[in-house]
PDB file of N, CA and C in Angstrom:
ATOM      1  N   MET A   1     134.364  18.173 152.660  1.00  0.00           N
ATOM      2  CA  MET A   1     133.529  19.269 152.252  1.00  0.00           C
ATOM      3  C   MET A   1     132.052  18.903 152.417  1.00  0.00           C
ATOM      4  N   VAL A   2     131.662  17.777 151.879  1.00  0.00           N
ATOM      5  CA  VAL A   2     130.253  17.382 151.907  1.00  0.00           C
ATOM      6  C   VAL A   2     129.780  17.164 153.337  1.00  0.00           C
ATOM      7  N   ARG A   3     130.608  16.561 154.152  1.00  0.00           N
ATOM      8  CA  ARG A   3     130.208  16.279 155.535  1.00  0.00           C
ATOM      9  C   ARG A   3     129.913  17.574 156.296  1.00  0.00           C
ATOM     10  N   ARG A   4     130.757  18.586 156.114  1.00  0.00           N
ATOM     11  CA  ARG A   4     130.549  19.856 156.821  1.00  0.00           C
ATOM     12  C   ARG A   4     129.321  20.583 156.304  1.00  0.00           C
ATOM     13  N   LEU A   5     129.131  20.602 154.988  1.00  0.00           N
ATOM     14  CA  LEU A   5     127.964  21.268 154.424  1.00  0.00           C
ATOM     15  C   LEU A   5     126.675  20.568 154.840  1.00  0.00           C
ATOM     16  N   LYS A   6     126.715  19.241 154.850  1.00  0.00           N
ATOM     17  CA  LYS A   6     125.538  18.474 155.261  1.00  0.00           C
ATOM     18  C   LYS A   6     125.205  18.750 156.723  1.00  0.00           C
ATOM     19  N   SER A   7     126.231  18.856 157.545  1.00  0.00           N
ATOM     20  CA  SER A   7     126.031  19.158 158.957  1.00  0.00           C
ATOM     21  C   SER A   7     125.376  20.529 159.136  1.00  0.00           C
ATOM     22  N   LEU A   8     125.823  21.500 158.371  1.00  0.00           N
ATOM     23  CA  LEU A   8     125.229  22.833 158.455  1.00  0.00           C
ATOM     24  C   LEU A   8     123.774  22.822 157.990  1.00  0.00           C
ATOM     25  N   ARG A   9     123.485  22.079 156.939  1.00  0.00           N
ATOM     26  CA  ARG A   9     122.110  21.980 156.435  1.00  0.00           C
ATOM     27  C   ARG A   9     121.207  21.306 157.475  1.00  0.00           C
ATOM     28  N   LEU A  10     121.705  20.255 158.128  1.00  0.00           N
ATOM     29  CA  LEU A  10     120.914  19.566 159.149  1.00  0.00           C
ATOM     30  C   LEU A  10     120.611  20.491 160.318  1.00  0.00           C
ATOM     31  N   LYS A  11     121.606  21.263 160.725  1.00  0.00           N
ATOM     32  CA  LYS A  11     121.418  22.183 161.837  1.00  0.00           C
ATOM     33  C   LYS A  11     120.378  23.248 161.489  1.00  0.00           C
ATOM     34  N   ARG A  12     120.439  23.738 160.262  1.00  0.00           N
ATOM     35  CA  ARG A  12     119.515  24.789 159.839  1.00  0.00           C
ATOM     36  C   ARG A  12     118.086  24.249 159.666  1.00  0.00           C
ATOM     37  N   ALA A  13     117.954  23.044 159.132  1.00  0.00           N
ATOM     38  CA  ALA A  13     116.627  22.470 158.895  1.00  0.00           C
ATOM     39  C   ALA A  13     115.934  22.131 160.209  1.00  0.00           C
ATOM     40  N   GLY A  14     116.703  21.614 161.158  1.00  0.00           N
ATOM     41  CA  GLY A  14     116.140  21.294 162.464  1.00  0.00           C
ATOM     42  C   GLY A  14     114.966  20.328 162.371  1.00  0.00           C
ATOM     43  N   ARG A  15     113.852  20.699 162.975  1.00  0.00           N
ATOM     44  CA  ARG A  15     112.664  19.835 162.990  1.00  0.00           C
ATOM     45  C   ARG A  15     111.901  19.856 161.673  1.00  0.00           C
ATOM     46  N   ASN A  16     112.256  20.751 160.775  1.00  0.00           N
ATOM     47  CA  ASN A  16     111.551  20.849 159.499  1.00  0.00           C
ATOM     48  C   ASN A  16     112.096  19.874 158.454  1.00  0.00           C
ATOM     49  N   LEU A  17     113.015  19.025 158.842  1.00  0.00           N
ATOM     50  CA  LEU A  17     113.614  18.062 157.929  1.00  0.00           C
ATOM     51  C   LEU A  17     112.619  16.953 157.606  1.00  0.00           C
ATOM     52  N   ARG A  18     112.426  16.700 156.316  1.00  0.00           N
ATOM     53  CA  ARG A  18     111.518  15.639 155.880  1.00  0.00           C
ATOM     54  C   ARG A  18     112.279  14.329 155.745  1.00  0.00           C
ATOM     55  N   ALA A  19     111.550  13.224 155.777  1.00  0.00           N
ATOM     56  CA  ALA A  19     112.156  11.896 155.666  1.00  0.00           C
ATOM     57  C   ALA A  19     112.868  11.750 154.324  1.00  0.00           C
ATOM     58  N   GLY A  20     114.124  11.340 154.358  1.00  0.00           N
ATOM     59  CA  GLY A  20     114.900  11.111 153.145  1.00  0.00           C
ATOM     60  C   GLY A  20     115.519  12.354 152.535  1.00  0.00           C
ATOM     61  N   GLN A  21     115.246  13.508 153.087  1.00  0.00           N
ATOM     62  CA  GLN A  21     115.757  14.749 152.513  1.00  0.00           C
ATOM     63  C   GLN A  21     117.278  14.847 152.642  1.00  0.00           C
ATOM     64  N   ALA A  22     117.819  14.447 153.762  1.00  0.00           N
ATOM     65  CA  ALA A  22     119.260  14.567 153.990  1.00  0.00           C
ATOM     66  C   ALA A  22     120.060  13.592 153.123  1.00  0.00           C
ATOM     67  N   GLN A  23     119.461  12.487 152.712  1.00  0.00           N
ATOM     68  CA  GLN A  23     120.188  11.512 151.900  1.00  0.00           C
ATOM     69  C   GLN A  23     120.530  12.049 150.522  1.00  0.00           C
ATOM     70  N   ARG A  24     119.788  13.017 150.016  1.00  0.00           N
ATOM     71  CA  ARG A  24     120.097  13.545 148.684  1.00  0.00           C
ATOM     72  C   ARG A  24     121.162  14.622 148.717  1.00  0.00           C
ATOM     73  N   TRP A  25     121.592  15.047 149.905  1.00  0.00           N
ATOM     74  CA  TRP A  25     122.637  16.058 150.016  1.00  0.00           C
ATOM     75  C   TRP A  25     123.995  15.391 149.887  1.00  0.00           C
ATOM     76  N   ASP A  26     124.406  15.111 148.663  1.00  0.00           N
ATOM     77  CA  ASP A  26     125.704  14.518 148.408  1.00  0.00           C
ATOM     78  C   ASP A  26     126.538  15.501 147.580  1.00  0.00           C
ATOM     79  N   ARG A  27     127.689  15.046 147.132  1.00  0.00           N
ATOM     80  CA  ARG A  27     128.600  15.919 146.398  1.00  0.00           C
ATOM     81  C   ARG A  27     127.957  16.471 145.125  1.00  0.00           C
ATOM     82  N   ASP A  28     127.207  15.643 144.406  1.00  0.00           N
ATOM     83  CA  ASP A  28     126.534  16.091 143.189  1.00  0.00           C
ATOM     84  C   ASP A  28     125.507  17.186 143.483  1.00  0.00           C
ATOM     85  N   TYR A  29     124.814  17.063 144.595  1.00  0.00           N
ATOM     86  CA  TYR A  29     123.824  18.076 144.977  1.00  0.00           C
ATOM     87  C   TYR A  29     124.487  19.433 145.184  1.00  0.00           C
ATOM     88  N   PHE A  30     125.578  19.451 145.950  1.00  0.00           N
ATOM     89  CA  PHE A  30     126.244  20.718 146.229  1.00  0.00           C
ATOM     90  C   PHE A  30     126.916  21.289 144.984  1.00  0.00           C
ATOM     91  N   GLU A  31     127.427  20.433 144.109  1.00  0.00           N
ATOM     92  CA  GLU A  31     128.010  20.914 142.862  1.00  0.00           C
ATOM     93  C   GLU A  31     126.939  21.480 141.938  1.00  0.00           C
ATOM     94  N   SER A  32     125.723  20.933 141.992  1.00  0.00           N
ATOM     95  CA  SER A  32     124.635  21.473 141.170  1.00  0.00           C
ATOM     96  C   SER A  32     124.239  22.878 141.629  1.00  0.00           C
ATOM     97  N   LEU A  33     124.546  23.208 142.883  1.00  0.00           N
ATOM     98  CA  LEU A  33     124.285  24.554 143.399  1.00  0.00           C
ATOM     99  C   LEU A  33     125.396  25.536 143.027  1.00  0.00           C
ATOM    100  N   GLY A  34     126.466  25.023 142.411  1.00  0.00           N
ATOM    101  CA  GLY A  34     127.565  25.896 142.010  1.00  0.00           C
ATOM    102  C   GLY A  34     128.738  25.881 142.974  1.00  0.00           C
ATOM    103  N   LEU A  35     128.708  24.996 143.960  1.00  0.00           N
ATOM    104  CA  LEU A  35     129.815  24.900 144.915  1.00  0.00           C
ATOM    105  C   LEU A  35     130.807  23.853 144.420  1.00  0.00           C
ATOM    106  N   HIS A  36     132.059  24.223 144.383  1.00  0.00           N
ATOM    107  CA  HIS A  36     133.096  23.310 143.925  1.00  0.00           C
ATOM    108  C   HIS A  36     134.215  23.264 144.945  1.00  0.00           C
ATOM    109  N   ARG A  37     134.859  22.146 145.023  1.00  0.00           N
ATOM    110  CA  ARG A  37     135.970  21.984 145.948  1.00  0.00           C
ATOM    111  C   ARG A  37     137.214  22.637 145.361  1.00  0.00           C
ATOM    112  N   LEU A  38     137.832  23.488 146.141  1.00  0.00           N
ATOM    113  CA  LEU A  38     139.053  24.148 145.710  1.00  0.00           C
ATOM    114  C   LEU A  38     140.238  23.413 146.313  1.00  0.00           C
ATOM    115  N   ARG A  39     141.137  22.977 145.469  1.00  0.00           N
ATOM    116  CA  ARG A  39     142.321  22.261 145.942  1.00  0.00           C
ATOM    117  C   ARG A  39     143.544  22.845 145.282  1.00  0.00           C
ATOM    118  N   GLY A  40     144.605  22.953 146.033  1.00  0.00           N
ATOM    119  CA  GLY A  40     145.863  23.427 145.476  1.00  0.00           C
ATOM    120  C   GLY A  40     145.924  24.934 145.377  1.00  0.00           C
ATOM    121  N   THR A  41     146.811  25.398 144.531  1.00  0.00           N
ATOM    122  CA  THR A  41     147.036  26.819 144.355  1.00  0.00           C
ATOM    123  C   THR A  41     146.158  27.350 143.237  1.00  0.00           C
ATOM    124  N   ILE A  42     145.535  28.472 143.505  1.00  0.00           N
ATOM    125  CA  ILE A  42     144.707  29.108 142.482  1.00  0.00           C
ATOM    126  C   ILE A  42     145.584  30.096 141.737  1.00  0.00           C
ATOM    127  N   ARG A  43     145.645  29.962 140.434  1.00  0.00           N
ATOM    128  CA  ARG A  43     146.428  30.873 139.611  1.00  0.00           C
ATOM    129  C   ARG A  43     145.495  31.659 138.707  1.00  0.00           C
ATOM    130  N   TYR A  44     145.634  32.966 138.765  1.00  0.00           N
ATOM    131  CA  TYR A  44     144.821  33.832 137.934  1.00  0.00           C
ATOM    132  C   TYR A  44     145.598  34.178 136.672  1.00  0.00           C
ATOM    133  N   PRO A  45     144.940  34.243 135.538  1.00  0.00           N
ATOM    134  CA  PRO A  45     145.637  34.529 134.277  1.00  0.00           C
ATOM    135  C   PRO A  45     146.328  35.888 134.312  1.00  0.00           C
ATOM    136  N   GLY A  46     147.617  35.901 133.941  1.00  0.00           N
ATOM    137  CA  GLY A  46     148.365  37.145 133.853  1.00  0.00           C
ATOM    138  C   GLY A  46     148.870  37.696 135.166  1.00  0.00           C
ATOM    139  N   LYS A  47     148.571  37.048 136.277  1.00  0.00           N
ATOM    140  CA  LYS A  47     148.991  37.569 137.583  1.00  0.00           C
ATOM    141  C   LYS A  47     149.796  36.553 138.376  1.00  0.00           C
ATOM    142  N   HIS A  48     150.305  35.518 137.737  1.00  0.00           N
ATOM    143  CA  HIS A  48     150.932  34.427 138.478  1.00  0.00           C
ATOM    144  C   HIS A  48     152.259  34.804 139.116  1.00  0.00           C
ATOM    145  N   ASN A  49     152.998  35.773 138.612  1.00  0.00           N
ATOM    146  CA  ASN A  49     154.269  36.155 139.230  1.00  0.00           C
ATOM    147  C   ASN A  49     154.292  37.616 139.641  1.00  0.00           C
ATOM    148  N   SER A  50     153.175  38.288 139.681  1.00  0.00           N
ATOM    149  CA  SER A  50     153.158  39.717 139.976  1.00  0.00           C
ATOM    150  C   SER A  50     153.455  40.008 141.443  1.00  0.00           C
ATOM    151  N   TRP A  51     153.353  39.040 142.327  1.00  0.00           N
ATOM    152  CA  TRP A  51     153.596  39.278 143.743  1.00  0.00           C
ATOM    153  C   TRP A  51     155.079  39.265 144.097  1.00  0.00           C
ATOM    154  N   ARG A  52     155.904  38.752 143.234  1.00  0.00           N
ATOM    155  CA  ARG A  52     157.345  38.695 143.506  1.00  0.00           C
ATOM    156  C   ARG A  52     158.026  39.989 143.126  1.00  0.00           C
ATOM    157  N   ARG A  53     159.044  40.358 143.921  1.00  0.00           N
ATOM    158  CA  ARG A  53     159.864  41.516 143.580  1.00  0.00           C
ATOM    159  C   ARG A  53     160.829  41.129 142.497  1.00  0.00           C
ATOM    160  N   GLU A  54     161.026  42.001 141.566  1.00  0.00           N
ATOM    161  CA  GLU A  54     162.000  41.727 140.523  1.00  0.00           C
ATOM    162  C   GLU A  54     163.394  42.052 141.051  1.00  0.00           C
ATOM    163  N   THR A  55     164.339  41.172 140.788  1.00  0.00           N
ATOM    164  CA  THR A  55     165.724  41.396 141.207  1.00  0.00           C
ATOM    165  C   THR A  55     166.562  41.697 139.968  1.00  0.00           C
ATOM    166  N   ALA A  56     167.449  42.657 140.118  1.00  0.00           N
ATOM    167  CA  ALA A  56     168.282  43.054 138.969  1.00  0.00           C
ATOM    168  C   ALA A  56     169.679  42.527 139.085  1.00  0.00           C
TER     169      ALA A  56
END
């Protein structure tokens, strides 16, 4: 996750990148912006089995 986001930031900054600026773009930096790594299955409260058909 961090490697891809850092790559996108570098591409966008281009020549406007200051010395040492890219080194602070680590996992903590991106999490401070509200970005979190999503892993596994996301379960929403009250909707975890609503997609299945009920069998009688």
